[in-house]
Amino acid sequence: YRLIAESTNDVITLQDFNLKATFTYVSTSIKNVAGYEPEELLGKSPFDFIHHDDRKKLFSLLKKYINAKVKKFLAGKESTITERIEYRFKDKEGNWRDFQSTGNIVGNQLLFITRDITESKKSEEIIKQSEKKYRSLFEDMPGVYYRADRKGNVIMVNPTGVKLLGYNFPKEIIGKNLAKDFYYIPEDRKIFLEELKKRKGIVKDYEVTLKRRDGTPVTVSTSSHYYYDEKGNIIGVEGIFVDITERKKVEENLRKSQQEFASLFDSSPAALEML
């Protein structure tokens, strides 16, 4: 038993079966994990090293173990409790390390196997902050972001897209089919996909007329591309699009004005003479 304890990277401890849980044995791996020699912890309580805000986790666990022991004494039935807790533990240099301990009752003592999870907690926090950052970008970006599967069913859309299409929540759009539910002319979706294939999976500034919830058209300019699985297989299309309805109206009015002026000069000799 001791040979196993001394050869593992995890810290193995035996502790008194009471609410102080005083250390009676500490494996040598504590030196690599927290900088202490095992003898420096013997006779001391883990509460002396655990962050004040986390002590209640261990205290609650100890009460469970004591209650289980009392029940065994009164009822004569063995009660097996294996619990896992996470807490901050002060190392010899005064730094807080994140520990994860799994405890159990062994005879009249408590056995804890403890692992240093400081680096993994840091990684989790970095990932969490990164996800928060990109979620914020996703939700606040001025353009519409969408993702659809191979069948053209929407699986992701940002709040800007929800608003542009006249809906209230993303869940009202997710699962609907682009061609059937959002293209003003459903057949245009096929033309778009053919163009996407022709351009090797990427289109930029491609104009499409979509349909709002109330059935009114909205012209958008999209830049879209295929997205792939880990094996390189196409699993759908994603991209962004912006509303260019007003721009199209201005362009159309300008075109009409130019035609009217051209028609005026073509039909009016007096206008020609003024030139």
Protein backbone atom coordinates (compact mmCIF):
# COMPACT_ATOMS: atom_id res chain seq x y z
CA TYR A 1 0.00 0.00 0.00
CA ARG A 2 2.73 2.43 1.00
CA LEU A 3 4.72 1.57 -2.17
CA ILE A 4 1.73 2.54 -4.31
CA ALA A 5 1.19 5.75 -2.34
CA GLU A 6 4.83 6.81 -2.68
CA SER A 7 4.96 6.17 -6.45
CA THR A 8 1.87 8.04 -7.62
CA ASN A 9 1.70 11.70 -8.64
CA ASP A 10 -1.54 12.12 -6.70
CA VAL A 11 -1.33 13.00 -3.03
CA ILE A 12 -2.63 10.26 -0.75
CA THR A 13 -3.48 11.13 2.83
CA LEU A 14 -4.93 9.38 5.86
CA GLN A 15 -6.76 11.61 8.32
CA ASP A 16 -8.42 11.33 11.71
CA PHE A 17 -12.10 10.52 11.65
CA ASN A 18 -13.36 13.76 13.18
CA LEU A 19 -14.29 17.28 12.18
CA LYS A 20 -10.66 18.40 12.21
CA ALA A 21 -9.54 15.56 9.95
CA THR A 22 -5.95 15.85 11.20
CA PHE A 23 -3.31 14.40 8.87
CA THR A 24 -1.82 11.10 10.10
CA TYR A 25 -0.14 10.15 6.83
CA VAL A 26 0.84 12.22 3.77
CA SER A 27 2.51 10.77 0.69
CA THR A 28 5.79 12.22 -0.56
CA SER A 29 4.11 13.59 -3.71
CA ILE A 30 2.93 16.56 -1.61
CA LYS A 31 6.46 17.95 -2.07
CA ASN A 32 6.02 18.24 -5.86
CA VAL A 33 2.46 19.48 -5.61
CA ALA A 34 2.60 22.03 -2.79
CA GLY A 35 6.24 22.27 -1.72
CA TYR A 36 5.76 20.76 1.77
CA GLU A 37 7.61 17.86 3.26
CA PRO A 38 5.07 15.27 4.48
CA GLU A 39 6.22 15.83 8.08
CA GLU A 40 5.19 19.49 7.87
CA LEU A 41 1.54 18.50 7.54
CA LEU A 42 1.37 15.64 10.04
CA GLY A 43 -0.71 16.53 13.09
CA LYS A 44 -2.24 19.52 11.34
CA SER A 45 -5.74 20.00 10.00
CA PRO A 46 -6.39 20.61 6.27
CA PHE A 47 -8.53 23.56 7.38
CA ASP A 48 -5.25 25.36 8.17
CA PHE A 49 -4.39 25.31 4.46
CA ILE A 50 -7.75 25.51 2.69
CA HIS A 51 -9.11 28.85 1.46
CA HIS A 52 -11.63 30.34 3.89
CA ASP A 53 -14.41 30.37 1.27
CA ASP A 54 -13.88 26.66 0.49
CA ARG A 55 -13.70 25.24 4.01
CA LYS A 56 -17.44 24.63 4.13
CA LYS A 57 -17.06 22.08 1.31
CA LEU A 58 -14.77 19.90 3.40
CA PHE A 59 -16.78 20.50 6.59
CA SER A 60 -20.00 19.32 4.90
CA LEU A 61 -18.20 16.25 3.62
CA LEU A 62 -16.82 15.38 7.05
CA LYS A 63 -20.29 15.65 8.59
CA LYS A 64 -21.59 13.21 5.97
CA TYR A 65 -18.86 10.73 6.83
CA ILE A 66 -19.49 11.03 10.55
CA ASN A 67 -23.25 10.56 10.10
CA ALA A 68 -22.57 7.50 7.96
CA LYS A 69 -20.31 6.08 10.67
CA VAL A 70 -22.96 6.70 13.34
CA LYS A 71 -25.61 4.95 11.22
CA LYS A 72 -23.31 1.97 10.81
CA PHE A 73 -22.78 1.83 14.56
CA LEU A 74 -26.51 2.01 15.29
CA ALA A 75 -27.84 -0.13 12.46
CA GLY A 76 -24.90 -2.40 11.91
CA LYS A 77 -24.95 -1.65 8.19
CA GLU A 78 -21.92 -0.61 6.18
CA SER A 79 -22.39 2.76 4.53
CA THR A 80 -20.14 3.51 1.58
CA ILE A 81 -19.69 7.17 0.68
CA THR A 82 -17.29 8.35 -1.98
CA GLU A 83 -17.37 12.09 -2.49
CA ARG A 84 -15.32 14.47 -4.62
CA ILE A 85 -14.74 18.11 -3.79
CA GLU A 86 -12.70 20.94 -5.30
CA TYR A 87 -11.06 23.65 -3.23
CA ARG A 88 -8.11 26.04 -3.02
CA PHE A 89 -5.10 24.92 -1.00
CA LYS A 90 -2.23 27.22 0.03
CA ASP A 91 1.19 25.90 -1.00
CA LYS A 92 4.42 26.52 0.89
CA GLU A 93 5.11 29.71 -1.08
CA GLY A 94 1.71 31.14 -0.15
CA ASN A 95 0.08 30.59 -3.55
CA TRP A 96 -3.40 29.12 -3.92
CA ARG A 97 -3.49 25.82 -5.81
CA ASP A 98 -6.70 24.23 -7.08
CA PHE A 99 -7.10 20.74 -5.63
CA GLN A 100 -9.60 17.99 -6.33
CA SER A 101 -9.97 15.38 -3.59
CA THR A 102 -11.85 12.09 -3.51
CA GLY A 103 -12.53 10.76 -0.05
CA ASN A 104 -13.69 7.53 1.52
CA ILE A 105 -13.93 5.80 4.89
CA VAL A 106 -11.20 3.24 5.57
CA GLY A 107 -11.69 1.59 8.93
CA ASN A 108 -11.48 4.33 11.54
CA GLN A 109 -9.75 6.80 9.27
CA LEU A 110 -10.48 8.91 6.22
CA LEU A 111 -8.62 8.26 2.99
CA PHE A 112 -8.23 11.10 0.51
CA ILE A 113 -6.69 10.96 -2.92
CA THR A 114 -5.92 14.49 -4.07
CA ARG A 115 -4.95 15.82 -7.48
CA ASP A 116 -3.58 19.24 -8.39
CA ILE A 117 -5.93 20.65 -11.05
CA THR A 118 -4.56 24.20 -11.07
CA GLU A 119 -3.43 24.13 -14.71
CA SER A 120 -6.64 22.52 -15.95
CA LYS A 121 -8.68 25.13 -14.05
CA LYS A 122 -6.63 27.87 -15.70
CA SER A 123 -7.26 26.30 -19.09
CA GLU A 124 -10.97 26.07 -18.34
CA GLU A 125 -11.03 29.75 -17.41
CA ILE A 126 -9.19 30.72 -20.61
CA ILE A 127 -11.67 28.72 -22.67
CA LYS A 128 -14.58 30.21 -20.73
CA GLN A 129 -13.36 33.77 -21.33
CA SER A 130 -12.69 33.01 -24.99
CA GLU A 131 -16.20 31.61 -25.43
CA LYS A 132 -17.62 34.67 -23.68
CA LYS A 133 -15.65 36.96 -25.96
CA TYR A 134 -16.74 35.23 -29.15
CA ARG A 135 -20.30 34.90 -27.92
CA SER A 136 -20.32 38.67 -27.41
CA LEU A 137 -18.94 39.22 -30.91
CA PHE A 138 -21.49 36.79 -32.31
CA GLU A 139 -24.42 38.49 -30.61
CA ASP A 140 -23.32 42.11 -31.12
CA MET A 141 -21.97 42.02 -34.67
CA PRO A 142 -23.89 44.43 -36.96
CA GLY A 143 -24.23 41.89 -39.77
CA VAL A 144 -26.17 38.64 -39.77
CA TYR A 145 -24.32 35.40 -39.11
CA TYR A 146 -25.96 32.10 -40.03
CA ARG A 147 -25.05 28.43 -40.32
CA ALA A 148 -27.06 25.76 -42.11
CA ASP A 149 -26.57 22.01 -42.48
CA ARG A 150 -26.26 20.13 -45.78
CA LYS A 151 -30.04 20.09 -46.17
CA GLY A 152 -30.24 23.84 -45.76
CA ASN A 153 -31.78 23.75 -42.29
CA VAL A 154 -30.70 26.62 -40.05
CA ILE A 155 -28.69 25.47 -37.03
CA MET A 156 -27.32 28.84 -35.89
CA VAL A 157 -28.27 32.50 -36.27
CA ASN A 158 -27.32 35.61 -34.32
CA PRO A 159 -29.77 38.14 -32.81
CA THR A 160 -29.24 40.56 -35.73
CA GLY A 161 -30.54 37.89 -38.11
CA VAL A 162 -33.51 37.17 -35.90
CA LYS A 163 -34.48 40.84 -35.92
CA LEU A 164 -33.92 41.34 -39.66
CA LEU A 165 -36.16 38.41 -40.55
CA GLY A 166 -38.93 39.67 -38.26
CA TYR A 167 -38.71 37.07 -35.48
CA ASN A 168 -38.30 37.44 -31.73
CA PHE A 169 -36.05 34.54 -30.75
CA PRO A 170 -33.41 32.35 -32.47
CA LYS A 171 -35.42 29.23 -31.60
CA GLU A 172 -38.15 30.44 -33.97
CA ILE A 173 -35.67 30.25 -36.86
CA ILE A 174 -33.44 27.30 -35.96
CA GLY A 175 -34.62 24.13 -37.68
CA LYS A 176 -36.39 25.97 -40.51
CA ASN A 177 -35.26 25.46 -44.08
CA LEU A 178 -33.56 28.31 -45.91
CA ALA A 179 -35.08 27.64 -49.32
CA LYS A 180 -38.57 26.87 -48.12
CA ASP A 181 -38.92 29.38 -45.29
CA PHE A 182 -36.56 32.26 -46.01
CA TYR A 183 -35.89 32.59 -49.74
CA TYR A 184 -38.41 34.87 -51.40
CA ILE A 185 -38.10 32.65 -54.47
CA PRO A 186 -37.23 29.14 -53.18
CA GLU A 187 -35.63 28.14 -56.49
CA ASP A 188 -32.97 30.84 -55.97
CA ARG A 189 -31.41 28.70 -53.25
CA LYS A 190 -30.48 26.09 -55.85
CA ILE A 191 -28.90 28.77 -58.04
CA PHE A 192 -26.94 30.03 -55.03
CA LEU A 193 -25.62 26.54 -54.23
CA GLU A 194 -24.60 26.01 -57.85
CA GLU A 195 -22.72 29.30 -57.77
CA LEU A 196 -21.09 28.31 -54.50
CA LYS A 197 -19.90 25.04 -56.00
CA LYS A 198 -18.67 26.78 -59.16
CA ARG A 199 -16.60 29.21 -57.06
CA LYS A 200 -14.96 26.37 -55.07
CA GLY A 201 -17.04 26.79 -51.94
CA ILE A 202 -16.78 30.55 -51.46
CA VAL A 203 -18.99 33.43 -52.63
CA LYS A 204 -18.60 37.11 -51.82
CA ASP A 205 -21.12 39.94 -52.13
CA TYR A 206 -23.72 37.62 -53.64
CA GLU A 207 -27.19 39.18 -53.75
CA VAL A 208 -30.18 37.20 -52.50
CA THR A 209 -33.77 38.20 -51.80
CA LEU A 210 -35.03 36.73 -48.57
CA LYS A 211 -38.47 36.67 -47.02
CA ARG A 212 -39.36 38.18 -43.67
CA ARG A 213 -41.81 36.58 -41.30
CA ASP A 214 -44.61 38.77 -42.64
CA GLY A 215 -43.80 37.74 -46.21
CA THR A 216 -42.18 41.00 -47.30
CA PRO A 217 -38.92 40.78 -49.29
CA VAL A 218 -35.54 41.91 -48.01
CA THR A 219 -32.53 42.05 -50.29
CA VAL A 220 -29.22 41.03 -48.75
CA SER A 221 -25.62 40.72 -49.84
CA THR A 222 -24.00 37.54 -48.54
CA SER A 223 -20.47 36.24 -48.24
CA SER A 224 -20.73 32.53 -47.53
CA HIS A 225 -18.65 29.38 -47.66
CA TYR A 226 -18.74 25.66 -46.98
CA TYR A 227 -17.76 24.42 -43.54
CA TYR A 228 -16.30 20.97 -42.95
CA ASP A 229 -16.01 18.17 -40.39
CA GLU A 230 -12.69 16.91 -39.04
CA LYS A 231 -12.33 14.56 -42.03
CA GLY A 232 -12.73 17.37 -44.55
CA ASN A 233 -16.28 16.50 -45.61
CA ILE A 234 -18.68 19.34 -46.43
CA ILE A 235 -21.36 19.45 -43.73
CA GLY A 236 -23.05 22.73 -44.53
CA VAL A 237 -22.84 26.40 -45.41
CA GLU A 238 -22.19 29.37 -43.16
CA GLY A 239 -21.62 33.04 -43.67
CA ILE A 240 -22.75 36.58 -43.09
CA PHE A 241 -25.18 38.84 -44.89
CA VAL A 242 -26.20 42.47 -44.67
CA ASP A 243 -29.45 44.18 -45.57
CA ILE A 244 -29.01 46.17 -48.79
CA THR A 245 -32.71 46.81 -49.40
CA GLU A 246 -32.40 50.58 -48.99
CA ARG A 247 -29.27 50.68 -51.10
CA LYS A 248 -31.08 48.82 -53.87
CA LYS A 249 -33.96 51.28 -53.68
CA VAL A 250 -31.55 54.23 -54.02
CA GLU A 251 -29.84 52.53 -56.95
CA GLU A 252 -33.18 51.87 -58.61
CA ASN A 253 -34.32 55.49 -58.13
CA LEU A 254 -31.03 56.72 -59.56
CA ARG A 255 -31.41 54.41 -62.56
CA LYS A 256 -34.93 55.68 -63.18
CA SER A 257 -33.77 59.29 -62.94
CA GLN A 258 -31.01 58.65 -65.44
CA GLN A 259 -33.50 57.03 -67.81
CA GLU A 260 -35.87 59.97 -67.47
CA PHE A 261 -33.12 62.48 -68.25
CA ALA A 262 -31.96 60.39 -71.19
CA SER A 263 -35.51 60.18 -72.47
CA LEU A 264 -35.94 63.95 -72.01
CA PHE A 265 -32.87 64.77 -74.11
CA ASP A 266 -33.75 62.19 -76.74
CA SER A 267 -37.22 63.64 -77.20
CA SER A 268 -36.52 67.38 -76.79
CA PRO A 269 -34.57 69.24 -79.51
CA ALA A 270 -34.63 72.32 -77.30
CA ALA A 271 -32.77 70.44 -74.59
CA LEU A 272 -30.16 69.42 -77.17
CA GLU A 273 -29.76 73.03 -78.27
CA MET A 274 -29.09 74.06 -74.67
CA LEU A 275 -26.10 71.69 -74.70
